[in-house]
Amino acid sequence: MSDTTQWTVLNEAHEILRAAVRGVPADAWTKPTPCADWNVTQVLQHATGDQLGYAAFITGGPGPEDNPFAPSGTLADSPEAVVESAIQASAAAWSTVAADAAEVPVPIPPNKMTAEIGVGACALDAAVHGWDIAVATGQPSPLTPELARALMPAAQATITDPIRQYGMYAAPQEAQAGDDDVAALLRFTGRSPNWTAA
């Protein structure tokens, strides 16, 4: 795999998602999450479906079996197996992409991006949904200020326009005094940094 910064960011984001899934207690898979109307299992299905979607667009191979935007809440395998399969498919697909590629096919509008923005968007998805799972199940926030800073350019390039036009992200939350880089990224993606289950 390339040693570029963005590929390192993808590795870090994948590890966040992987670790969050490993940290979910057995009785917590139906808990609510910061993703409105989705429980922990559904967020996992969405997150892994997105990773498989990136892999499919890049390689031309099959995508996720279920619609990531209508997760059923029922897994076909163990959570660890589901997340590992998706992460490995995504990482393998991105390893075939040149770091300076000008047009990489991706599953989000406009369906072609530079490698730098595309891999950043893929990493953003994994990291933020890893955060969703972690905080929903009582784990500490896995996002670091350094990773949040690295992910923000991809968030700004992809979420503002055109993804929000398609209803794929909640409206951003207003910045607050004292926000650090993690809080700024979470608010930009429509999440409250202090989210707790009601």
N, C-alpha and C. Protein backbone atom coordinates (compact mmCIF):
# COMPACT_ATOMS: atom_id res chain seq x y z
N MET A 1 0.84 -1.19 0.00
CA MET A 1 0.00 0.00 0.00
C MET A 1 0.88 1.25 0.00
N SER A 2 0.38 2.27 -0.63
CA SER A 2 1.12 3.53 -0.69
C SER A 2 1.39 4.07 0.70
N ASP A 3 2.50 4.80 0.84
CA ASP A 3 2.85 5.39 2.13
C ASP A 3 2.40 6.85 2.23
N THR A 4 1.53 7.30 1.33
CA THR A 4 1.10 8.69 1.38
C THR A 4 0.28 8.95 2.65
N THR A 5 0.21 10.22 2.99
CA THR A 5 -0.52 10.60 4.21
C THR A 5 -1.96 10.13 4.18
N GLN A 6 -2.65 10.29 3.06
CA GLN A 6 -4.05 9.91 3.01
C GLN A 6 -4.25 8.41 3.21
N TRP A 7 -3.33 7.60 2.71
CA TRP A 7 -3.46 6.16 2.92
C TRP A 7 -3.21 5.82 4.39
N THR A 8 -2.32 6.53 5.03
CA THR A 8 -2.11 6.36 6.47
C THR A 8 -3.36 6.74 7.23
N VAL A 9 -4.01 7.81 6.81
CA VAL A 9 -5.27 8.24 7.43
C VAL A 9 -6.33 7.15 7.27
N LEU A 10 -6.41 6.54 6.10
CA LEU A 10 -7.37 5.46 5.89
C LEU A 10 -7.09 4.30 6.84
N ASN A 11 -5.83 3.94 7.00
CA ASN A 11 -5.48 2.86 7.93
C ASN A 11 -5.93 3.21 9.35
N GLU A 12 -5.70 4.45 9.77
CA GLU A 12 -6.10 4.87 11.11
C GLU A 12 -7.62 4.83 11.26
N ALA A 13 -8.32 5.28 10.24
CA ALA A 13 -9.79 5.28 10.29
C ALA A 13 -10.33 3.85 10.33
N HIS A 14 -9.74 2.98 9.55
CA HIS A 14 -10.17 1.59 9.58
C HIS A 14 -9.94 0.97 10.95
N GLU A 15 -8.84 1.31 11.58
CA GLU A 15 -8.57 0.77 12.91
C GLU A 15 -9.57 1.31 13.93
N ILE A 16 -10.01 2.55 13.78
CA ILE A 16 -11.04 3.10 14.66
C ILE A 16 -12.32 2.28 14.54
N LEU A 17 -12.74 2.01 13.32
CA LEU A 17 -13.97 1.25 13.11
C LEU A 17 -13.82 -0.17 13.66
N ARG A 18 -12.70 -0.79 13.37
CA ARG A 18 -12.43 -2.15 13.84
C ARG A 18 -12.44 -2.21 15.37
N ALA A 19 -11.74 -1.29 16.01
CA ALA A 19 -11.65 -1.29 17.47
C ALA A 19 -13.00 -0.98 18.11
N ALA A 20 -13.77 -0.08 17.52
CA ALA A 20 -15.09 0.24 18.07
C ALA A 20 -15.99 -0.98 18.06
N VAL A 21 -15.95 -1.75 16.98
CA VAL A 21 -16.76 -2.96 16.89
C VAL A 21 -16.31 -3.99 17.92
N ARG A 22 -15.01 -4.15 18.08
CA ARG A 22 -14.50 -5.09 19.09
C ARG A 22 -14.92 -4.68 20.49
N GLY A 23 -15.11 -3.40 20.73
CA GLY A 23 -15.42 -2.92 22.07
C GLY A 23 -16.90 -2.91 22.43
N VAL A 24 -17.77 -3.33 21.51
CA VAL A 24 -19.20 -3.31 21.79
C VAL A 24 -19.57 -4.47 22.71
N PRO A 25 -20.16 -4.20 23.87
CA PRO A 25 -20.62 -5.29 24.74
C PRO A 25 -21.70 -6.12 24.04
N ALA A 26 -21.82 -7.36 24.41
CA ALA A 26 -22.74 -8.27 23.73
C ALA A 26 -24.19 -7.79 23.78
N ASP A 27 -24.55 -7.06 24.83
CA ASP A 27 -25.94 -6.63 24.97
C ASP A 27 -26.19 -5.22 24.44
N ALA A 28 -25.24 -4.67 23.69
CA ALA A 28 -25.35 -3.26 23.28
C ALA A 28 -25.64 -3.06 21.80
N TRP A 29 -25.87 -4.12 21.06
CA TRP A 29 -26.02 -3.99 19.61
C TRP A 29 -27.32 -3.31 19.17
N THR A 30 -28.28 -3.20 20.07
CA THR A 30 -29.53 -2.52 19.71
C THR A 30 -29.64 -1.13 20.34
N LYS A 31 -28.56 -0.66 20.93
CA LYS A 31 -28.58 0.67 21.55
C LYS A 31 -28.70 1.76 20.49
N PRO A 32 -29.30 2.90 20.85
CA PRO A 32 -29.38 4.03 19.92
C PRO A 32 -28.00 4.64 19.69
N THR A 33 -27.88 5.36 18.59
CA THR A 33 -26.61 5.98 18.21
C THR A 33 -26.84 7.43 17.80
N PRO A 34 -25.76 8.17 17.57
CA PRO A 34 -25.92 9.54 17.05
C PRO A 34 -26.56 9.60 15.67
N CYS A 35 -26.61 8.49 14.96
CA CYS A 35 -27.29 8.44 13.65
C CYS A 35 -28.78 8.22 13.92
N ALA A 36 -29.57 9.24 13.72
CA ALA A 36 -30.99 9.19 14.07
C ALA A 36 -31.66 7.96 13.48
N ASP A 37 -32.41 7.28 14.32
CA ASP A 37 -33.23 6.12 13.93
C ASP A 37 -32.44 4.85 13.67
N TRP A 38 -31.13 4.86 13.83
CA TRP A 38 -30.33 3.66 13.62
C TRP A 38 -29.71 3.21 14.93
N ASN A 39 -29.75 1.90 15.18
CA ASN A 39 -29.07 1.36 16.34
C ASN A 39 -27.64 0.98 15.98
N VAL A 40 -26.91 0.41 16.92
CA VAL A 40 -25.49 0.12 16.70
C VAL A 40 -25.29 -0.86 15.55
N THR A 41 -26.12 -1.90 15.50
CA THR A 41 -25.99 -2.87 14.40
C THR A 41 -26.22 -2.21 13.05
N GLN A 42 -27.22 -1.34 12.98
CA GLN A 42 -27.52 -0.67 11.72
C GLN A 42 -26.39 0.27 11.29
N VAL A 43 -25.77 0.95 12.25
CA VAL A 43 -24.63 1.80 11.91
C VAL A 43 -23.48 0.94 11.39
N LEU A 44 -23.26 -0.20 12.02
CA LEU A 44 -22.22 -1.10 11.52
C LEU A 44 -22.53 -1.55 10.10
N GLN A 45 -23.77 -1.91 9.84
CA GLN A 45 -24.15 -2.32 8.48
C GLN A 45 -23.92 -1.19 7.48
N HIS A 46 -24.30 0.01 7.87
CA HIS A 46 -24.11 1.16 6.98
C HIS A 46 -22.62 1.40 6.73
N ALA A 47 -21.84 1.42 7.80
CA ALA A 47 -20.41 1.71 7.68
C ALA A 47 -19.69 0.67 6.83
N THR A 48 -20.00 -0.60 7.06
CA THR A 48 -19.33 -1.65 6.28
C THR A 48 -19.85 -1.66 4.84
N GLY A 49 -21.13 -1.35 4.67
CA GLY A 49 -21.66 -1.26 3.30
C GLY A 49 -20.98 -0.16 2.52
N ASP A 50 -20.71 0.96 3.18
CA ASP A 50 -20.01 2.06 2.51
C ASP A 50 -18.59 1.64 2.11
N GLN A 51 -17.89 0.95 3.00
CA GLN A 51 -16.54 0.50 2.67
C GLN A 51 -16.56 -0.46 1.48
N LEU A 52 -17.54 -1.36 1.47
CA LEU A 52 -17.68 -2.28 0.34
C LEU A 52 -18.07 -1.54 -0.93
N GLY A 53 -18.81 -0.45 -0.79
CA GLY A 53 -19.18 0.35 -1.95
C GLY A 53 -17.96 1.01 -2.58
N TYR A 54 -17.07 1.55 -1.77
CA TYR A 54 -15.84 2.12 -2.32
C TYR A 54 -15.04 1.05 -3.05
N ALA A 55 -14.91 -0.13 -2.43
CA ALA A 55 -14.16 -1.21 -3.05
C ALA A 55 -14.77 -1.60 -4.39
N ALA A 56 -16.09 -1.68 -4.44
CA ALA A 56 -16.77 -2.08 -5.67
C ALA A 56 -16.57 -1.06 -6.79
N PHE A 57 -16.68 0.22 -6.46
CA PHE A 57 -16.50 1.24 -7.49
C PHE A 57 -15.07 1.23 -8.03
N ILE A 58 -14.11 1.06 -7.15
CA ILE A 58 -12.71 1.09 -7.58
C ILE A 58 -12.35 -0.13 -8.41
N THR A 59 -12.81 -1.30 -7.98
CA THR A 59 -12.39 -2.55 -8.63
C THR A 59 -13.35 -3.04 -9.70
N GLY A 60 -14.58 -2.54 -9.68
CA GLY A 60 -15.59 -3.06 -10.59
C GLY A 60 -16.21 -4.36 -10.09
N GLY A 61 -15.87 -4.75 -8.88
CA GLY A 61 -16.40 -5.97 -8.30
C GLY A 61 -17.76 -5.76 -7.67
N PRO A 62 -18.29 -6.78 -6.99
CA PRO A 62 -19.61 -6.67 -6.37
C PRO A 62 -19.60 -5.72 -5.18
N GLY A 63 -20.70 -5.06 -4.98
CA GLY A 63 -20.84 -4.15 -3.85
C GLY A 63 -21.51 -4.83 -2.67
N PRO A 64 -21.98 -4.05 -1.72
CA PRO A 64 -22.64 -4.64 -0.55
C PRO A 64 -23.93 -5.35 -0.96
N GLU A 65 -24.25 -6.43 -0.25
CA GLU A 65 -25.47 -7.17 -0.57
C GLU A 65 -26.72 -6.40 -0.14
N ASP A 66 -26.61 -5.64 0.96
CA ASP A 66 -27.75 -4.87 1.44
C ASP A 66 -27.52 -3.38 1.18
N ASN A 67 -28.61 -2.63 1.11
CA ASN A 67 -28.53 -1.20 0.91
C ASN A 67 -28.00 -0.55 2.18
N PRO A 68 -26.83 0.11 2.14
CA PRO A 68 -26.29 0.73 3.34
C PRO A 68 -27.19 1.82 3.94
N PHE A 69 -28.10 2.35 3.13
CA PHE A 69 -28.97 3.42 3.61
C PHE A 69 -30.32 2.91 4.10
N ALA A 70 -30.47 1.59 4.10
CA ALA A 70 -31.66 0.96 4.68
C ALA A 70 -31.23 -0.29 5.44
N PRO A 71 -30.37 -0.12 6.45
CA PRO A 71 -29.84 -1.28 7.15
C PRO A 71 -30.92 -2.03 7.93
N SER A 72 -30.90 -3.35 7.81
CA SER A 72 -31.95 -4.19 8.40
C SER A 72 -31.81 -4.37 9.91
N GLY A 73 -30.57 -4.28 10.40
CA GLY A 73 -30.34 -4.55 11.82
C GLY A 73 -30.04 -6.01 12.10
N THR A 74 -29.90 -6.80 11.03
CA THR A 74 -29.57 -8.23 11.17
C THR A 74 -28.30 -8.52 10.39
N LEU A 75 -27.31 -9.04 11.07
CA LEU A 75 -26.02 -9.34 10.43
C LEU A 75 -25.98 -10.78 9.92
N ALA A 76 -25.33 -10.98 8.79
CA ALA A 76 -25.19 -12.32 8.21
C ALA A 76 -24.05 -13.09 8.85
N ASP A 77 -23.20 -12.41 9.60
CA ASP A 77 -22.04 -13.04 10.24
C ASP A 77 -21.77 -12.30 11.54
N SER A 78 -20.72 -12.69 12.25
CA SER A 78 -20.39 -12.00 13.48
C SER A 78 -19.98 -10.55 13.16
N PRO A 79 -20.19 -9.62 14.09
CA PRO A 79 -19.79 -8.23 13.83
C PRO A 79 -18.32 -8.10 13.46
N GLU A 80 -17.46 -8.86 14.14
CA GLU A 80 -16.03 -8.78 13.85
C GLU A 80 -15.73 -9.25 12.43
N ALA A 81 -16.39 -10.31 11.99
CA ALA A 81 -16.18 -10.81 10.63
C ALA A 81 -16.71 -9.84 9.60
N VAL A 82 -17.86 -9.23 9.88
CA VAL A 82 -18.46 -8.28 8.95
C VAL A 82 -17.55 -7.07 8.75
N VAL A 83 -17.06 -6.51 9.86
CA VAL A 83 -16.22 -5.32 9.74
C VAL A 83 -14.88 -5.66 9.11
N GLU A 84 -14.31 -6.80 9.45
CA GLU A 84 -13.00 -7.15 8.90
C GLU A 84 -13.06 -7.38 7.40
N SER A 85 -14.10 -8.04 6.94
CA SER A 85 -14.26 -8.28 5.51
C SER A 85 -14.36 -6.97 4.73
N ALA A 86 -15.14 -6.03 5.27
CA ALA A 86 -15.31 -4.75 4.58
C ALA A 86 -14.03 -3.93 4.59
N ILE A 87 -13.36 -3.90 5.73
CA ILE A 87 -12.11 -3.14 5.82
C ILE A 87 -11.06 -3.70 4.88
N GLN A 88 -10.93 -5.00 4.85
CA GLN A 88 -9.93 -5.60 3.97
C GLN A 88 -10.24 -5.34 2.51
N ALA A 89 -11.52 -5.40 2.13
CA ALA A 89 -11.89 -5.12 0.74
C ALA A 89 -11.58 -3.68 0.37
N SER A 90 -11.90 -2.76 1.26
CA SER A 90 -11.64 -1.34 1.01
C SER A 90 -10.14 -1.06 0.91
N ALA A 91 -9.38 -1.57 1.88
CA ALA A 91 -7.94 -1.33 1.87
C ALA A 91 -7.29 -1.92 0.63
N ALA A 92 -7.70 -3.11 0.25
CA ALA A 92 -7.13 -3.75 -0.95
C ALA A 92 -7.45 -2.94 -2.20
N ALA A 93 -8.67 -2.43 -2.30
CA ALA A 93 -9.04 -1.64 -3.47
C ALA A 93 -8.23 -0.36 -3.54
N TRP A 94 -8.12 0.35 -2.41
CA TRP A 94 -7.38 1.61 -2.42
C TRP A 94 -5.90 1.38 -2.69
N SER A 95 -5.37 0.22 -2.35
CA SER A 95 -3.95 -0.05 -2.59
C SER A 95 -3.63 -0.12 -4.08
N THR A 96 -4.65 -0.25 -4.92
CA THR A 96 -4.43 -0.30 -6.38
C THR A 96 -4.48 1.08 -7.01
N VAL A 97 -4.80 2.11 -6.22
CA VAL A 97 -5.00 3.46 -6.75
C VAL A 97 -3.73 4.28 -6.55
N ALA A 98 -3.29 4.94 -7.61
CA ALA A 98 -2.13 5.82 -7.51
C ALA A 98 -2.49 7.04 -6.68
N ALA A 99 -1.57 7.47 -5.84
CA ALA A 99 -1.83 8.59 -4.94
C ALA A 99 -2.16 9.88 -5.69
N ASP A 100 -1.66 10.01 -6.92
CA ASP A 100 -1.91 11.24 -7.68
C ASP A 100 -3.00 11.05 -8.74
N ALA A 101 -3.78 9.98 -8.63
CA ALA A 101 -4.83 9.73 -9.62
C ALA A 101 -5.82 10.90 -9.62
N ALA A 102 -6.16 11.37 -10.80
CA ALA A 102 -7.02 12.55 -10.93
C ALA A 102 -8.50 12.19 -10.86
N GLU A 103 -8.86 10.97 -11.28
CA GLU A 103 -10.26 10.57 -11.28
C GLU A 103 -10.39 9.13 -10.81
N VAL A 104 -10.89 8.98 -9.60
CA VAL A 104 -11.12 7.65 -9.02
C VAL A 104 -12.62 7.46 -8.89
N PRO A 105 -13.17 6.34 -9.38
CA PRO A 105 -14.62 6.12 -9.22
C PRO A 105 -14.96 5.86 -7.75
N VAL A 106 -15.97 6.56 -7.26
CA VAL A 106 -16.39 6.45 -5.86
C VAL A 106 -17.91 6.37 -5.80
N PRO A 107 -18.46 5.82 -4.70
CA PRO A 107 -19.92 5.63 -4.63
C PRO A 107 -20.70 6.84 -4.14
N ILE A 108 -20.04 7.99 -4.04
CA ILE A 108 -20.75 9.20 -3.62
C ILE A 108 -20.68 10.24 -4.73
N PRO A 109 -21.70 11.07 -4.86
CA PRO A 109 -21.70 12.08 -5.92
C PRO A 109 -20.48 12.98 -5.83
N PRO A 110 -19.88 13.33 -6.96
CA PRO A 110 -20.30 13.08 -8.33
C PRO A 110 -19.74 11.79 -8.92
N ASN A 111 -19.36 10.85 -8.08
CA ASN A 111 -18.90 9.50 -8.46
C ASN A 111 -17.52 9.43 -9.09
N LYS A 112 -16.81 10.54 -9.11
CA LYS A 112 -15.39 10.56 -9.49
C LYS A 112 -14.72 11.66 -8.69
N MET A 113 -13.57 11.32 -8.08
CA MET A 113 -12.84 12.29 -7.28
C MET A 113 -11.35 12.03 -7.45
N THR A 114 -10.55 13.02 -7.06
CA THR A 114 -9.12 12.75 -7.00
C THR A 114 -8.88 11.68 -5.94
N ALA A 115 -7.76 10.99 -6.04
CA ALA A 115 -7.44 9.97 -5.06
C ALA A 115 -7.38 10.57 -3.66
N GLU A 116 -6.80 11.75 -3.54
CA GLU A 116 -6.64 12.37 -2.22
C GLU A 116 -7.99 12.61 -1.55
N ILE A 117 -8.94 13.17 -2.30
CA ILE A 117 -10.25 13.45 -1.73
C ILE A 117 -11.04 12.15 -1.54
N GLY A 118 -10.97 11.25 -2.50
CA GLY A 118 -11.73 10.00 -2.42
C GLY A 118 -11.33 9.14 -1.24
N VAL A 119 -10.02 8.97 -1.06
CA VAL A 119 -9.58 8.14 0.07
C VAL A 119 -9.88 8.86 1.39
N GLY A 120 -9.82 10.18 1.38
CA GLY A 120 -10.18 10.93 2.58
C GLY A 120 -11.65 10.77 2.92
N ALA A 121 -12.51 10.76 1.90
CA ALA A 121 -13.94 10.57 2.14
C ALA A 121 -14.22 9.17 2.68
N CYS A 122 -13.52 8.18 2.15
CA CYS A 122 -13.68 6.81 2.63
C CYS A 122 -13.22 6.70 4.08
N ALA A 123 -12.10 7.33 4.39
CA ALA A 123 -11.59 7.32 5.77
C ALA A 123 -12.53 8.07 6.70
N LEU A 124 -13.06 9.20 6.26
CA LEU A 124 -14.01 9.96 7.06
C LEU A 124 -15.20 9.10 7.45
N ASP A 125 -15.71 8.37 6.49
CA ASP A 125 -16.87 7.52 6.74
C ASP A 125 -16.56 6.48 7.81
N ALA A 126 -15.42 5.81 7.68
CA ALA A 126 -15.06 4.78 8.66
C ALA A 126 -14.83 5.37 10.04
N ALA A 127 -14.13 6.49 10.10
CA ALA A 127 -13.78 7.08 11.39
C ALA A 127 -15.00 7.62 12.12
N VAL A 128 -15.86 8.33 11.41
CA VAL A 128 -17.02 8.94 12.05
C VAL A 128 -18.01 7.87 12.51
N HIS A 129 -18.21 6.84 11.70
CA HIS A 129 -19.11 5.77 12.13
C HIS A 129 -18.48 4.92 13.23
N GLY A 130 -17.16 4.83 13.24
CA GLY A 130 -16.50 4.21 14.39
C GLY A 130 -16.77 5.01 15.66
N TRP A 131 -16.74 6.34 15.54
CA TRP A 131 -17.08 7.20 16.68
C TRP A 131 -18.52 6.97 17.11
N ASP A 132 -19.44 6.90 16.14
CA ASP A 132 -20.85 6.66 16.46
C ASP A 132 -21.01 5.40 17.31
N ILE A 133 -20.37 4.33 16.88
CA ILE A 133 -20.48 3.04 17.57
C ILE A 133 -19.84 3.12 18.95
N ALA A 134 -18.69 3.75 19.01
CA ALA A 134 -17.96 3.84 20.28
C ALA A 134 -18.77 4.61 21.32
N VAL A 135 -19.22 5.81 20.98
CA VAL A 135 -19.91 6.62 21.99
C VAL A 135 -21.27 6.03 22.35
N ALA A 136 -21.89 5.34 21.41
CA ALA A 136 -23.19 4.72 21.69
C ALA A 136 -23.07 3.57 22.68
N THR A 137 -21.88 3.00 22.79
CA THR A 137 -21.71 1.82 23.63
C THR A 137 -20.77 2.07 24.81
N GLY A 138 -20.61 3.33 25.17
CA GLY A 138 -19.86 3.67 26.37
C GLY A 138 -18.36 3.64 26.24
N GLN A 139 -17.86 3.59 25.01
CA GLN A 139 -16.42 3.62 24.80
C GLN A 139 -15.95 5.07 24.69
N PRO A 140 -14.69 5.34 24.99
CA PRO A 140 -14.19 6.71 24.82
C PRO A 140 -14.13 7.07 23.34
N SER A 141 -14.18 8.35 23.08
CA SER A 141 -14.08 8.81 21.69
C SER A 141 -12.77 8.34 21.09
N PRO A 142 -12.82 7.69 19.92
CA PRO A 142 -11.60 7.21 19.29
C PRO A 142 -10.93 8.24 18.38
N LEU A 143 -11.57 9.38 18.17
CA LEU A 143 -11.02 10.38 17.26
C LEU A 143 -9.97 11.23 17.97
N THR A 144 -8.87 11.46 17.30
CA THR A 144 -7.82 12.34 17.81
C THR A 144 -7.87 13.67 17.06
N PRO A 145 -7.37 14.74 17.67
CA PRO A 145 -7.33 16.02 16.95
C PRO A 145 -6.55 15.93 15.64
N GLU A 146 -5.46 15.16 15.65
CA GLU A 146 -4.64 15.03 14.43
C GLU A 146 -5.43 14.38 13.30
N LEU A 147 -6.15 13.31 13.63
CA LEU A 147 -6.94 12.63 12.60
C LEU A 147 -8.09 13.53 12.14
N ALA A 148 -8.72 14.20 13.08
CA ALA A 148 -9.82 15.10 12.70
C ALA A 148 -9.34 16.19 11.75
N ARG A 149 -8.17 16.74 12.01
CA ARG A 149 -7.61 17.77 11.11
C ARG A 149 -7.36 17.19 9.73
N ALA A 150 -6.87 15.94 9.68
CA ALA A 150 -6.57 15.31 8.40
C ALA A 150 -7.84 14.99 7.62
N LEU A 151 -8.95 14.73 8.33
CA LEU A 151 -10.19 14.36 7.67
C LEU A 151 -11.02 15.56 7.23
N MET A 152 -10.82 16.71 7.85
CA MET A 152 -11.67 17.87 7.56
C MET A 152 -11.64 18.30 6.10
N PRO A 153 -10.48 18.33 5.41
CA PRO A 153 -10.53 18.74 4.00
C PRO A 153 -11.43 17.85 3.15
N ALA A 154 -11.40 16.55 3.38
CA ALA A 154 -12.29 15.66 2.62
C ALA A 154 -13.74 15.91 2.98
N ALA A 155 -14.00 16.16 4.27
CA ALA A 155 -15.37 16.47 4.69
C ALA A 155 -15.87 17.72 3.99
N GLN A 156 -15.04 18.76 3.96
CA GLN A 156 -15.45 20.01 3.34
C GLN A 156 -15.63 19.87 1.84
N ALA A 157 -14.83 19.02 1.22
CA ALA A 157 -14.90 18.86 -0.23
C ALA A 157 -16.05 17.97 -0.68
N THR A 158 -16.54 17.11 0.21
CA THR A 158 -17.55 16.14 -0.23
C THR A 158 -18.91 16.30 0.44
N ILE A 159 -18.94 16.69 1.70
CA ILE A 159 -20.22 16.74 2.40
C ILE A 159 -21.01 17.98 2.03
N THR A 160 -20.35 19.13 2.01
CA THR A 160 -21.06 20.38 1.76
C THR A 160 -21.74 20.35 0.39
N ASP A 161 -21.01 19.95 -0.60
CA ASP A 161 -21.53 19.91 -1.96
C ASP A 161 -20.77 18.79 -2.68
N PRO A 162 -21.47 17.73 -3.08
CA PRO A 162 -22.92 17.67 -3.27
C PRO A 162 -23.67 16.75 -2.31
N ILE A 163 -23.01 16.10 -1.36
CA ILE A 163 -23.68 15.02 -0.63
C ILE A 163 -24.89 15.49 0.16
N ARG A 164 -24.82 16.65 0.80
CA ARG A 164 -25.98 17.10 1.58
C ARG A 164 -27.20 17.34 0.70
N GLN A 165 -26.98 17.64 -0.57
CA GLN A 165 -28.11 17.81 -1.49
C GLN A 165 -28.91 16.52 -1.62
N TYR A 166 -28.27 15.38 -1.40
CA TYR A 166 -28.92 14.09 -1.55
C TYR A 166 -29.44 13.54 -0.21
N GLY A 167 -29.36 14.34 0.84
CA GLY A 167 -29.87 13.90 2.13
C GLY A 167 -29.01 12.88 2.83
N MET A 168 -27.74 12.78 2.45
CA MET A 168 -26.87 11.76 3.02
C MET A 168 -26.21 12.18 4.32
N TYR A 169 -26.25 13.46 4.65
CA TYR A 169 -25.68 13.93 5.91
C TYR A 169 -26.63 14.93 6.54
N ALA A 170 -26.69 14.91 7.86
CA ALA A 170 -27.48 15.90 8.57
C ALA A 170 -26.86 17.28 8.39
N ALA A 171 -27.66 18.29 8.64
CA ALA A 171 -27.14 19.66 8.56
C ALA A 171 -26.05 19.84 9.61
N PRO A 172 -25.06 20.67 9.31
CA PRO A 172 -23.99 20.90 10.29
C PRO A 172 -24.53 21.59 11.53
N GLN A 173 -23.90 21.31 12.66
CA GLN A 173 -24.24 22.00 13.89
C GLN A 173 -23.39 23.26 14.00
N GLU A 174 -23.92 24.24 14.67
CA GLU A 174 -23.20 25.50 14.82
C GLU A 174 -21.98 25.32 15.71
N ALA A 175 -20.86 25.89 15.28
CA ALA A 175 -19.62 25.81 16.07
C ALA A 175 -19.83 26.47 17.42
N GLN A 176 -19.13 25.96 18.42
CA GLN A 176 -19.22 26.49 19.77
C GLN A 176 -17.84 26.96 20.22
N ALA A 177 -17.83 27.96 21.08
CA ALA A 177 -16.57 28.43 21.65
C ALA A 177 -15.90 27.28 22.38
N GLY A 178 -14.61 27.12 22.16
CA GLY A 178 -13.88 26.06 22.82
C GLY A 178 -13.84 24.76 22.05
N ASP A 179 -14.49 24.68 20.90
CA ASP A 179 -14.43 23.46 20.10
C ASP A 179 -13.00 23.16 19.68
N ASP A 180 -12.59 21.91 19.83
CA ASP A 180 -11.30 21.50 19.29
C ASP A 180 -11.52 20.92 17.90
N ASP A 181 -10.48 20.35 17.29
CA ASP A 181 -10.60 19.83 15.93
C ASP A 181 -11.58 18.67 15.84
N VAL A 182 -11.64 17.84 16.88
CA VAL A 182 -12.58 16.72 16.88
C VAL A 182 -14.01 17.24 16.91
N ALA A 183 -14.28 18.18 17.82
CA ALA A 183 -15.62 18.74 17.91
C ALA A 183 -16.02 19.43 16.61
N ALA A 184 -15.08 20.14 16.00
CA ALA A 184 -15.37 20.84 14.74
C ALA A 184 -15.75 19.85 13.65
N LEU A 185 -15.02 18.74 13.56
CA LEU A 185 -15.34 17.73 12.54
C LEU A 185 -16.70 17.10 12.81
N LEU A 186 -16.96 16.74 14.06
CA LEU A 186 -18.23 16.12 14.39
C LEU A 186 -19.39 17.07 14.11
N ARG A 187 -19.26 18.33 14.49
CA ARG A 187 -20.33 19.29 14.22
C ARG A 187 -20.53 19.46 12.72
N PHE A 188 -19.43 19.45 11.96
CA PHE A 188 -19.55 19.60 10.51
C PHE A 188 -20.33 18.44 9.90
N THR A 189 -20.20 17.25 10.50
CA THR A 189 -20.93 16.08 9.99
C THR A 189 -22.32 15.96 10.62
N GLY A 190 -22.74 16.99 11.36
CA GLY A 190 -24.08 17.00 11.92
C GLY A 190 -24.23 16.32 13.25
N ARG A 191 -23.12 16.07 13.94
CA ARG A 191 -23.15 15.37 15.22
C ARG A 191 -22.81 16.30 16.37
N SER A 192 -23.39 16.01 17.52
CA SER A 192 -23.01 16.72 18.74
C SER A 192 -21.83 16.00 19.37
N PRO A 193 -20.73 16.72 19.61
CA PRO A 193 -19.56 16.07 20.24
C PRO A 193 -19.86 15.50 21.62
N ASN A 194 -20.92 15.99 22.25
CA ASN A 194 -21.29 15.55 23.60
C ASN A 194 -22.50 14.62 23.59
N TRP A 195 -22.74 13.98 22.45
CA TRP A 195 -23.93 13.12 22.33
C TRP A 195 -23.95 12.03 23.39
N THR A 196 -25.11 11.81 23.95
CA THR A 196 -25.35 10.67 24.83
C THR A 196 -26.73 10.12 24.52
N ALA A 197 -26.93 8.84 24.78
CA ALA A 197 -28.24 8.24 24.55
C ALA A 197 -29.25 8.87 25.50
N ALA A 198 -30.44 9.12 24.99
CA ALA A 198 -31.48 9.75 25.81
C ALA A 198 -31.95 8.80 26.90
